[in-house]
Amino acid sequence: MMYNINGVDLEADEQGYLLEPVFDDEAVRVIAATEQITLTDAHWEVINYLRDQYREHGHTPNFRAMLKGMAEIRPEVDSKYLYDLFPIGPAKQGPKVAALPQPLGKGGY
């Protein structure tokens, strides 16, 4: 599978995750459209959190760690909030839309 981002073909695995992280916001827009997600400021907040975690740790957090980390940024964040943004699963679909590689194991660390 490939995504065309700004005229460049980027390779993805069979599930649609990029093989290498891309920190270009256009990549997020293209992948979100493929996932049928209309991006909002709330999506971008989660995407930026996931990108920061990836830069810091080399992978994205599992759902429990993601929920805890996002709640520190925005206290009203709960499971429903995250699933409303990424209905297939915040710890799986979130990194895909954030243009990051597939999470480790069951969604991260």
N, C-alpha and C. Protein backbone atom coordinates (compact mmCIF):
# COMPACT_ATOMS: atom_id res chain seq x y z
N MET A 1 0.85 -1.18 0.00
CA MET A 1 0.00 0.00 0.00
C MET A 1 0.89 1.24 0.00
N MET A 2 0.41 2.28 -0.64
CA MET A 2 1.16 3.53 -0.72
C MET A 2 0.22 4.71 -0.47
N TYR A 3 0.79 5.76 0.08
CA TYR A 3 0.10 7.05 0.19
C TYR A 3 0.90 8.05 -0.63
N ASN A 4 0.21 8.90 -1.37
CA ASN A 4 0.89 9.96 -2.10
C ASN A 4 0.76 11.24 -1.28
N ILE A 5 1.88 11.70 -0.75
CA ILE A 5 1.92 12.89 0.10
C ILE A 5 2.77 13.93 -0.62
N ASN A 6 2.16 15.02 -1.00
CA ASN A 6 2.88 16.11 -1.69
C ASN A 6 3.67 15.59 -2.89
N GLY A 7 3.07 14.66 -3.63
CA GLY A 7 3.72 14.15 -4.83
C GLY A 7 4.74 13.05 -4.60
N VAL A 8 4.90 12.63 -3.36
CA VAL A 8 5.85 11.57 -3.02
C VAL A 8 5.08 10.34 -2.54
N ASP A 9 5.39 9.18 -3.11
CA ASP A 9 4.76 7.94 -2.66
C ASP A 9 5.46 7.44 -1.41
N LEU A 10 4.68 7.23 -0.34
CA LEU A 10 5.22 6.71 0.91
C LEU A 10 4.66 5.32 1.14
N GLU A 11 5.54 4.38 1.45
CA GLU A 11 5.15 2.99 1.60
C GLU A 11 4.47 2.76 2.95
N ALA A 12 3.40 1.97 2.91
CA ALA A 12 2.67 1.58 4.11
C ALA A 12 2.52 0.07 4.13
N ASP A 13 2.26 -0.48 5.30
CA ASP A 13 2.03 -1.93 5.39
C ASP A 13 0.62 -2.26 4.91
N GLU A 14 0.28 -3.53 4.96
CA GLU A 14 -1.02 -3.97 4.45
C GLU A 14 -2.20 -3.40 5.23
N GLN A 15 -1.96 -2.92 6.45
CA GLN A 15 -3.04 -2.33 7.26
C GLN A 15 -3.11 -0.80 7.11
N GLY A 16 -2.20 -0.24 6.34
CA GLY A 16 -2.22 1.19 6.08
C GLY A 16 -1.35 2.04 6.97
N TYR A 17 -0.50 1.41 7.79
CA TYR A 17 0.43 2.17 8.63
C TYR A 17 1.69 2.48 7.82
N LEU A 18 2.16 3.71 7.93
CA LEU A 18 3.42 4.05 7.28
C LEU A 18 4.55 3.22 7.88
N LEU A 19 5.51 2.86 7.06
CA LEU A 19 6.64 2.07 7.55
C LEU A 19 7.63 2.94 8.32
N GLU A 20 7.68 4.22 7.98
CA GLU A 20 8.53 5.19 8.68
C GLU A 20 7.67 6.38 9.09
N PRO A 21 7.95 7.00 10.23
CA PRO A 21 7.13 8.15 10.65
C PRO A 21 7.30 9.33 9.69
N VAL A 22 6.23 10.06 9.52
CA VAL A 22 6.25 11.28 8.71
C VAL A 22 5.59 12.37 9.56
N PHE A 23 6.31 13.46 9.77
CA PHE A 23 5.81 14.52 10.62
C PHE A 23 5.29 15.71 9.82
N ASP A 24 4.86 15.44 8.60
CA ASP A 24 4.27 16.44 7.72
C ASP A 24 2.74 16.40 7.94
N ASP A 25 2.15 17.54 8.21
CA ASP A 25 0.71 17.59 8.49
C ASP A 25 -0.13 17.16 7.29
N GLU A 26 0.40 17.28 6.08
CA GLU A 26 -0.33 16.84 4.91
C GLU A 26 -0.52 15.32 4.94
N ALA A 27 0.46 14.59 5.48
CA ALA A 27 0.33 13.14 5.61
C ALA A 27 -0.86 12.80 6.50
N VAL A 28 -1.02 13.55 7.57
CA VAL A 28 -2.16 13.33 8.48
C VAL A 28 -3.47 13.55 7.73
N ARG A 29 -3.54 14.61 6.96
CA ARG A 29 -4.77 14.91 6.22
C ARG A 29 -5.12 13.80 5.22
N VAL A 30 -4.12 13.30 4.52
CA VAL A 30 -4.34 12.25 3.52
C VAL A 30 -4.80 10.96 4.20
N ILE A 31 -4.12 10.56 5.26
CA ILE A 31 -4.47 9.31 5.95
C ILE A 31 -5.83 9.45 6.63
N ALA A 32 -6.10 10.59 7.24
CA ALA A 32 -7.40 10.80 7.88
C ALA A 32 -8.52 10.67 6.86
N ALA A 33 -8.33 11.22 5.67
CA ALA A 33 -9.35 11.11 4.62
C ALA A 33 -9.56 9.65 4.25
N THR A 34 -8.48 8.89 4.16
CA THR A 34 -8.58 7.46 3.86
C THR A 34 -9.36 6.72 4.95
N GLU A 35 -9.17 7.15 6.19
CA GLU A 35 -9.85 6.54 7.35
C GLU A 35 -11.26 7.13 7.55
N GLN A 36 -11.66 8.06 6.69
CA GLN A 36 -12.96 8.73 6.77
C GLN A 36 -13.14 9.49 8.09
N ILE A 37 -12.07 10.18 8.48
CA ILE A 37 -12.08 11.01 9.68
C ILE A 37 -11.95 12.46 9.25
N THR A 38 -12.88 13.28 9.72
CA THR A 38 -12.82 14.72 9.49
C THR A 38 -12.07 15.32 10.68
N LEU A 39 -10.90 15.85 10.42
CA LEU A 39 -10.04 16.34 11.49
C LEU A 39 -10.59 17.59 12.16
N THR A 40 -10.52 17.59 13.48
CA THR A 40 -10.91 18.74 14.31
C THR A 40 -9.70 19.12 15.16
N ASP A 41 -9.83 20.21 15.90
CA ASP A 41 -8.76 20.59 16.82
C ASP A 41 -8.49 19.49 17.85
N ALA A 42 -9.54 18.79 18.27
CA ALA A 42 -9.37 17.70 19.24
C ALA A 42 -8.53 16.57 18.63
N HIS A 43 -8.76 16.25 17.36
CA HIS A 43 -7.94 15.25 16.69
C HIS A 43 -6.47 15.68 16.68
N TRP A 44 -6.24 16.93 16.31
CA TRP A 44 -4.86 17.43 16.23
C TRP A 44 -4.18 17.40 17.59
N GLU A 45 -4.94 17.64 18.65
CA GLU A 45 -4.35 17.59 19.99
C GLU A 45 -3.85 16.17 20.29
N VAL A 46 -4.65 15.17 19.96
CA VAL A 46 -4.25 13.78 20.18
C VAL A 46 -3.10 13.42 19.23
N ILE A 47 -3.18 13.82 17.98
CA ILE A 47 -2.12 13.54 17.01
C ILE A 47 -0.79 14.13 17.48
N ASN A 48 -0.81 15.35 17.94
CA ASN A 48 0.43 15.97 18.42
C ASN A 48 0.96 15.27 19.66
N TYR A 49 0.06 14.83 20.54
CA TYR A 49 0.47 14.06 21.72
C TYR A 49 1.16 12.76 21.27
N LEU A 50 0.53 12.04 20.33
CA LEU A 50 1.10 10.77 19.86
C LEU A 50 2.44 10.99 19.17
N ARG A 51 2.56 12.04 18.39
CA ARG A 51 3.84 12.35 17.74
C ARG A 51 4.92 12.65 18.76
N ASP A 52 4.57 13.43 19.79
CA ASP A 52 5.54 13.74 20.84
C ASP A 52 5.98 12.47 21.56
N GLN A 53 5.04 11.58 21.86
CA GLN A 53 5.37 10.32 22.52
C GLN A 53 6.28 9.46 21.64
N TYR A 54 5.99 9.45 20.35
CA TYR A 54 6.82 8.67 19.43
C TYR A 54 8.24 9.24 19.38
N ARG A 55 8.34 10.55 19.31
CA ARG A 55 9.68 11.18 19.27
C ARG A 55 10.45 10.88 20.55
N GLU A 56 9.77 10.93 21.68
CA GLU A 56 10.41 10.75 22.98
C GLU A 56 10.76 9.28 23.27
N HIS A 57 9.85 8.36 22.92
CA HIS A 57 10.02 6.96 23.31
C HIS A 57 10.31 6.00 22.15
N GLY A 58 10.12 6.46 20.91
CA GLY A 58 10.34 5.59 19.77
C GLY A 58 9.15 4.72 19.42
N HIS A 59 8.06 4.89 20.13
CA HIS A 59 6.80 4.19 19.86
C HIS A 59 5.67 4.95 20.54
N THR A 60 4.46 4.56 20.23
CA THR A 60 3.30 5.23 20.81
C THR A 60 2.78 4.46 22.01
N PRO A 61 2.04 5.12 22.91
CA PRO A 61 1.55 4.45 24.12
C PRO A 61 0.38 3.51 23.83
N ASN A 62 0.20 2.54 24.74
CA ASN A 62 -1.00 1.72 24.66
C ASN A 62 -2.19 2.57 25.13
N PHE A 63 -3.38 2.01 25.05
CA PHE A 63 -4.56 2.81 25.35
C PHE A 63 -4.55 3.36 26.77
N ARG A 64 -4.22 2.55 27.74
CA ARG A 64 -4.23 2.99 29.14
C ARG A 64 -3.27 4.17 29.35
N ALA A 65 -2.06 4.06 28.82
CA ALA A 65 -1.08 5.13 28.96
C ALA A 65 -1.52 6.37 28.17
N MET A 66 -2.13 6.14 27.02
CA MET A 66 -2.62 7.25 26.20
C MET A 66 -3.73 8.01 26.95
N LEU A 67 -4.64 7.28 27.54
CA LEU A 67 -5.74 7.88 28.31
C LEU A 67 -5.19 8.71 29.47
N LYS A 68 -4.23 8.15 30.19
CA LYS A 68 -3.63 8.86 31.32
C LYS A 68 -2.88 10.11 30.85
N GLY A 69 -2.08 9.97 29.79
CA GLY A 69 -1.32 11.10 29.28
C GLY A 69 -2.19 12.22 28.75
N MET A 70 -3.24 11.86 28.02
CA MET A 70 -4.15 12.88 27.49
C MET A 70 -4.95 13.55 28.61
N ALA A 71 -5.29 12.79 29.66
CA ALA A 71 -6.03 13.36 30.79
C ALA A 71 -5.18 14.39 31.54
N GLU A 72 -3.86 14.23 31.48
CA GLU A 72 -2.98 15.22 32.11
C GLU A 72 -2.99 16.53 31.31
N ILE A 73 -3.19 16.42 30.01
CA ILE A 73 -3.24 17.60 29.15
C ILE A 73 -4.62 18.25 29.20
N ARG A 74 -5.65 17.40 29.15
CA ARG A 74 -7.03 17.87 29.13
C ARG A 74 -7.82 16.98 30.09
N PRO A 75 -8.13 17.47 31.31
CA PRO A 75 -8.76 16.64 32.34
C PRO A 75 -10.08 15.97 31.94
N GLU A 76 -10.82 16.54 31.00
CA GLU A 76 -12.10 15.94 30.62
C GLU A 76 -11.96 14.73 29.69
N VAL A 77 -10.74 14.40 29.28
CA VAL A 77 -10.53 13.26 28.38
C VAL A 77 -10.82 11.96 29.12
N ASP A 78 -11.68 11.15 28.50
CA ASP A 78 -11.97 9.81 29.00
C ASP A 78 -12.03 8.86 27.80
N SER A 79 -12.35 7.61 28.05
CA SER A 79 -12.39 6.62 26.97
C SER A 79 -13.34 7.04 25.86
N LYS A 80 -14.53 7.49 26.22
CA LYS A 80 -15.53 7.88 25.22
C LYS A 80 -15.00 9.01 24.34
N TYR A 81 -14.36 9.99 24.95
CA TYR A 81 -13.80 11.12 24.22
C TYR A 81 -12.86 10.63 23.13
N LEU A 82 -11.93 9.72 23.50
CA LEU A 82 -10.94 9.22 22.54
C LEU A 82 -11.58 8.33 21.48
N TYR A 83 -12.54 7.50 21.87
CA TYR A 83 -13.21 6.64 20.89
C TYR A 83 -14.11 7.43 19.95
N ASP A 84 -14.63 8.56 20.41
CA ASP A 84 -15.40 9.43 19.51
C ASP A 84 -14.50 9.99 18.41
N LEU A 85 -13.24 10.25 18.75
CA LEU A 85 -12.29 10.77 17.77
C LEU A 85 -11.75 9.68 16.84
N PHE A 86 -11.44 8.53 17.41
CA PHE A 86 -10.84 7.42 16.66
C PHE A 86 -11.64 6.15 16.96
N PRO A 87 -12.76 5.96 16.28
CA PRO A 87 -13.69 4.88 16.62
C PRO A 87 -13.16 3.45 16.46
N ILE A 88 -12.18 3.24 15.61
CA ILE A 88 -11.64 1.89 15.46
C ILE A 88 -10.77 1.51 16.66
N GLY A 89 -10.28 2.51 17.37
CA GLY A 89 -9.44 2.30 18.54
C GLY A 89 -8.38 3.38 18.61
N PRO A 90 -8.43 4.22 19.63
CA PRO A 90 -7.51 5.35 19.73
C PRO A 90 -6.03 4.96 19.69
N ALA A 91 -5.66 3.85 20.32
CA ALA A 91 -4.25 3.46 20.37
C ALA A 91 -3.79 2.79 19.09
N LYS A 92 -4.72 2.41 18.21
CA LYS A 92 -4.37 1.80 16.92
C LYS A 92 -4.62 2.79 15.77
N GLN A 93 -5.82 3.34 15.70
CA GLN A 93 -6.16 4.26 14.61
C GLN A 93 -5.49 5.61 14.79
N GLY A 94 -5.31 6.06 16.03
CA GLY A 94 -4.66 7.34 16.29
C GLY A 94 -3.27 7.42 15.68
N PRO A 95 -2.38 6.44 15.96
CA PRO A 95 -1.04 6.48 15.36
C PRO A 95 -1.07 6.39 13.84
N LYS A 96 -2.01 5.61 13.30
CA LYS A 96 -2.11 5.52 11.84
C LYS A 96 -2.40 6.88 11.26
N VAL A 97 -3.40 7.57 11.80
CA VAL A 97 -3.77 8.90 11.30
C VAL A 97 -2.65 9.91 11.57
N ALA A 98 -1.90 9.71 12.64
CA ALA A 98 -0.79 10.62 12.97
C ALA A 98 0.42 10.41 12.07
N ALA A 99 0.32 9.48 11.10
CA ALA A 99 1.39 9.18 10.14
C ALA A 99 2.60 8.55 10.83
N LEU A 100 2.29 7.65 11.78
CA LEU A 100 3.33 6.94 12.51
C LEU A 100 3.27 5.45 12.16
N PRO A 101 4.35 4.72 12.39
CA PRO A 101 4.33 3.28 12.13
C PRO A 101 3.35 2.56 13.06
N GLN A 102 3.05 1.32 12.70
CA GLN A 102 2.12 0.51 13.50
C GLN A 102 2.63 0.37 14.93
N PRO A 103 1.73 0.53 15.92
CA PRO A 103 2.14 0.41 17.32
C PRO A 103 2.65 -0.99 17.63
N LEU A 104 3.47 -1.07 18.65
CA LEU A 104 4.00 -2.34 19.12
C LEU A 104 2.91 -3.14 19.81
N GLY A 105 3.00 -4.43 19.76
CA GLY A 105 2.10 -5.31 20.51
C GLY A 105 0.64 -4.95 20.39
N LYS A 106 0.02 -4.77 21.53
CA LYS A 106 -1.40 -4.45 21.56
C LYS A 106 -1.60 -2.95 21.71
N GLY A 107 -0.97 -2.17 20.85
CA GLY A 107 -1.21 -0.74 20.87
C GLY A 107 -0.13 0.09 21.50
N GLY A 108 1.05 -0.43 21.78
CA GLY A 108 2.12 0.40 22.32
C GLY A 108 2.88 -0.29 23.40
N TYR A 109 3.33 0.48 24.40
CA TYR A 109 4.15 -0.11 25.44
C TYR A 109 3.35 -0.86 26.45
